[in-house]
Amino acid sequence: MRLDKFLKVSRLIKRRTLAKEVCEQGRITVNGNVAKAGTVVKEGDELVIRFGQKLVTVEITNVKETVRKEKASTLYEVKKEEPISKSE
């Protein structure tokens, strides 16, 4: 599944167009590599997403085309959340 679609389906990012913009800005890495919106993701991949002043690391546990809002968080597991220091 495309990265931008996964971010929308999992509700890590609310809209696919916003997910695409975040990818284009280089704020997401997949398994340590800067990812584009079209990058294919699969179970077991590790995503590092820069949201404003924090870094969120998640591992993809499931990939589904559609999922209900209540079940969206079952598609990933948050490994860590850390604030970004001012020097970066």
C-alpha atoms as a PDB file:
ATOM      1  CA  MET A   1       0.000   0.000   0.000  1.00  0.00           C
ATOM      2  CA  ARG A   2       1.192   3.535  -0.732  1.00  0.00           C
ATOM      3  CA  LEU A   3       2.549   5.428   2.262  1.00  0.00           C
ATOM      4  CA  ASP A   4       0.163   8.383   1.867  1.00  0.00           C
ATOM      5  CA  LYS A   5      -2.839   6.040   1.767  1.00  0.00           C
ATOM      6  CA  PHE A   6      -1.631   4.090   4.811  1.00  0.00           C
ATOM      7  CA  LEU A   7      -1.231   7.328   6.796  1.00  0.00           C
ATOM      8  CA  LYS A   8      -4.822   8.284   5.944  1.00  0.00           C
ATOM      9  CA  VAL A   9      -6.360   4.840   6.573  1.00  0.00           C
ATOM     10  CA  SER A  10      -4.518   4.489   9.897  1.00  0.00           C
ATOM     11  CA  ARG A  11      -5.533   8.076  10.769  1.00  0.00           C
ATOM     12  CA  LEU A  12      -1.984   9.043  11.689  1.00  0.00           C
ATOM     13  CA  ILE A  13      -2.673  11.945   9.307  1.00  0.00           C
ATOM     14  CA  LYS A  14      -6.305  12.893   8.635  1.00  0.00           C
ATOM     15  CA  ARG A  15      -6.220  13.670   4.892  1.00  0.00           C
ATOM     16  CA  ARG A  16      -4.334  11.979   2.076  1.00  0.00           C
ATOM     17  CA  THR A  17      -3.377  15.306   0.477  1.00  0.00           C
ATOM     18  CA  LEU A  18      -1.852  16.422   3.778  1.00  0.00           C
ATOM     19  CA  ALA A  19      -0.024  13.082   4.054  1.00  0.00           C
ATOM     20  CA  LYS A  20       1.365  13.633   0.556  1.00  0.00           C
ATOM     21  CA  GLU A  21       2.578  17.133   1.478  1.00  0.00           C
ATOM     22  CA  VAL A  22       4.296  15.835   4.638  1.00  0.00           C
ATOM     23  CA  CYS A  23       6.067  13.192   2.523  1.00  0.00           C
ATOM     24  CA  GLU A  24       7.178  15.785  -0.035  1.00  0.00           C
ATOM     25  CA  GLN A  25       8.679  17.869   2.784  1.00  0.00           C
ATOM     26  CA  GLY A  26      10.888  14.904   3.771  1.00  0.00           C
ATOM     27  CA  ARG A  27       9.358  14.596   7.243  1.00  0.00           C
ATOM     28  CA  ILE A  28       8.760  10.822   7.072  1.00  0.00           C
ATOM     29  CA  THR A  29      11.257   7.976   6.917  1.00  0.00           C
ATOM     30  CA  VAL A  30      10.492   4.313   6.275  1.00  0.00           C
ATOM     31  CA  ASN A  31      13.095   1.920   7.697  1.00  0.00           C
ATOM     32  CA  GLY A  32      15.597   4.783   7.898  1.00  0.00           C
ATOM     33  CA  ASN A  33      15.134   6.077   4.326  1.00  0.00           C
ATOM     34  CA  VAL A  34      13.362   9.351   3.471  1.00  0.00           C
ATOM     35  CA  ALA A  35      10.065   8.293   1.915  1.00  0.00           C
ATOM     36  CA  LYS A  36       7.934   9.684  -0.870  1.00  0.00           C
ATOM     37  CA  ALA A  37       4.133   9.467  -0.931  1.00  0.00           C
ATOM     38  CA  GLY A  38       4.261   6.531  -3.365  1.00  0.00           C
ATOM     39  CA  THR A  39       6.623   4.433  -1.250  1.00  0.00           C
ATOM     40  CA  VAL A  40       5.129   0.982  -0.726  1.00  0.00           C
ATOM     41  CA  VAL A  41       4.779   0.024   2.938  1.00  0.00           C
ATOM     42  CA  LYS A  42       4.147  -3.403   4.429  1.00  0.00           C
ATOM     43  CA  GLU A  43       3.777  -5.047   7.830  1.00  0.00           C
ATOM     44  CA  GLY A  44       6.911  -4.749   9.948  1.00  0.00           C
ATOM     45  CA  ASP A  45       8.064  -1.434   8.419  1.00  0.00           C
ATOM     46  CA  GLU A  46       9.135   1.280  10.843  1.00  0.00           C
ATOM     47  CA  LEU A  47       7.945   4.842  10.208  1.00  0.00           C
ATOM     48  CA  VAL A  48       9.470   7.924  11.821  1.00  0.00           C
ATOM     49  CA  ILE A  49       7.193  10.953  11.416  1.00  0.00           C
ATOM     50  CA  ARG A  50       8.074  14.526  12.383  1.00  0.00           C
ATOM     51  CA  PHE A  51       4.951  16.253  13.727  1.00  0.00           C
ATOM     52  CA  GLY A  52       5.777  19.871  14.600  1.00  0.00           C
ATOM     53  CA  GLN A  53       7.974  19.638  17.688  1.00  0.00           C
ATOM     54  CA  LYS A  54       7.984  15.850  18.176  1.00  0.00           C
ATOM     55  CA  LEU A  55       9.203  12.683  16.498  1.00  0.00           C
ATOM     56  CA  VAL A  56       6.862   9.696  16.507  1.00  0.00           C
ATOM     57  CA  THR A  57       8.191   6.216  15.710  1.00  0.00           C
ATOM     58  CA  VAL A  58       5.587   3.596  14.777  1.00  0.00           C
ATOM     59  CA  GLU A  59       5.756   0.033  13.504  1.00  0.00           C
ATOM     60  CA  ILE A  60       3.170  -1.111  10.970  1.00  0.00           C
ATOM     61  CA  THR A  61       1.379  -4.165  12.356  1.00  0.00           C
ATOM     62  CA  ASN A  62      -1.352  -4.543   9.730  1.00  0.00           C
ATOM     63  CA  VAL A  63      -2.130  -3.187   6.257  1.00  0.00           C
ATOM     64  CA  LYS A  64      -5.793  -2.905   5.217  1.00  0.00           C
ATOM     65  CA  GLU A  65      -7.470  -0.919   2.436  1.00  0.00           C
ATOM     66  CA  THR A  66     -10.299   0.258   4.686  1.00  0.00           C
ATOM     67  CA  VAL A  67     -10.845   0.194   8.421  1.00  0.00           C
ATOM     68  CA  ARG A  68     -13.371   1.723  10.817  1.00  0.00           C
ATOM     69  CA  LYS A  69     -12.264   4.712  12.864  1.00  0.00           C
ATOM     70  CA  GLU A  70     -12.381   2.725  16.120  1.00  0.00           C
ATOM     71  CA  LYS A  71     -10.012   0.067  14.716  1.00  0.00           C
ATOM     72  CA  ALA A  72      -7.550   2.418  12.973  1.00  0.00           C
ATOM     73  CA  SER A  73      -5.036   2.284  15.814  1.00  0.00           C
ATOM     74  CA  THR A  74      -4.717  -1.510  15.379  1.00  0.00           C
ATOM     75  CA  LEU A  75      -2.799  -0.926  12.114  1.00  0.00           C
ATOM     76  CA  TYR A  76       0.292   0.356  13.932  1.00  0.00           C
ATOM     77  CA  GLU A  77       2.091   0.282  17.260  1.00  0.00           C
ATOM     78  CA  VAL A  78       3.713   3.420  18.660  1.00  0.00           C
ATOM     79  CA  LYS A  79       7.318   2.574  19.591  1.00  0.00           C
ATOM     80  CA  LYS A  80       8.323   5.987  20.940  1.00  0.00           C
ATOM     81  CA  GLU A  81       7.428   9.656  21.013  1.00  0.00           C
ATOM     82  CA  GLU A  82      10.126  12.208  21.695  1.00  0.00           C
ATOM     83  CA  PRO A  83      10.350  15.995  21.567  1.00  0.00           C
ATOM     84  CA  ILE A  84      12.650  17.560  18.967  1.00  0.00           C
ATOM     85  CA  SER A  85      15.419  19.643  20.492  1.00  0.00           C
ATOM     86  CA  LYS A  86      15.713  23.280  19.421  1.00  0.00           C
ATOM     87  CA  SER A  87      19.141  22.723  17.795  1.00  0.00           C
ATOM     88  CA  GLU A  88      17.751  20.527  14.976  1.00  0.00           C
END
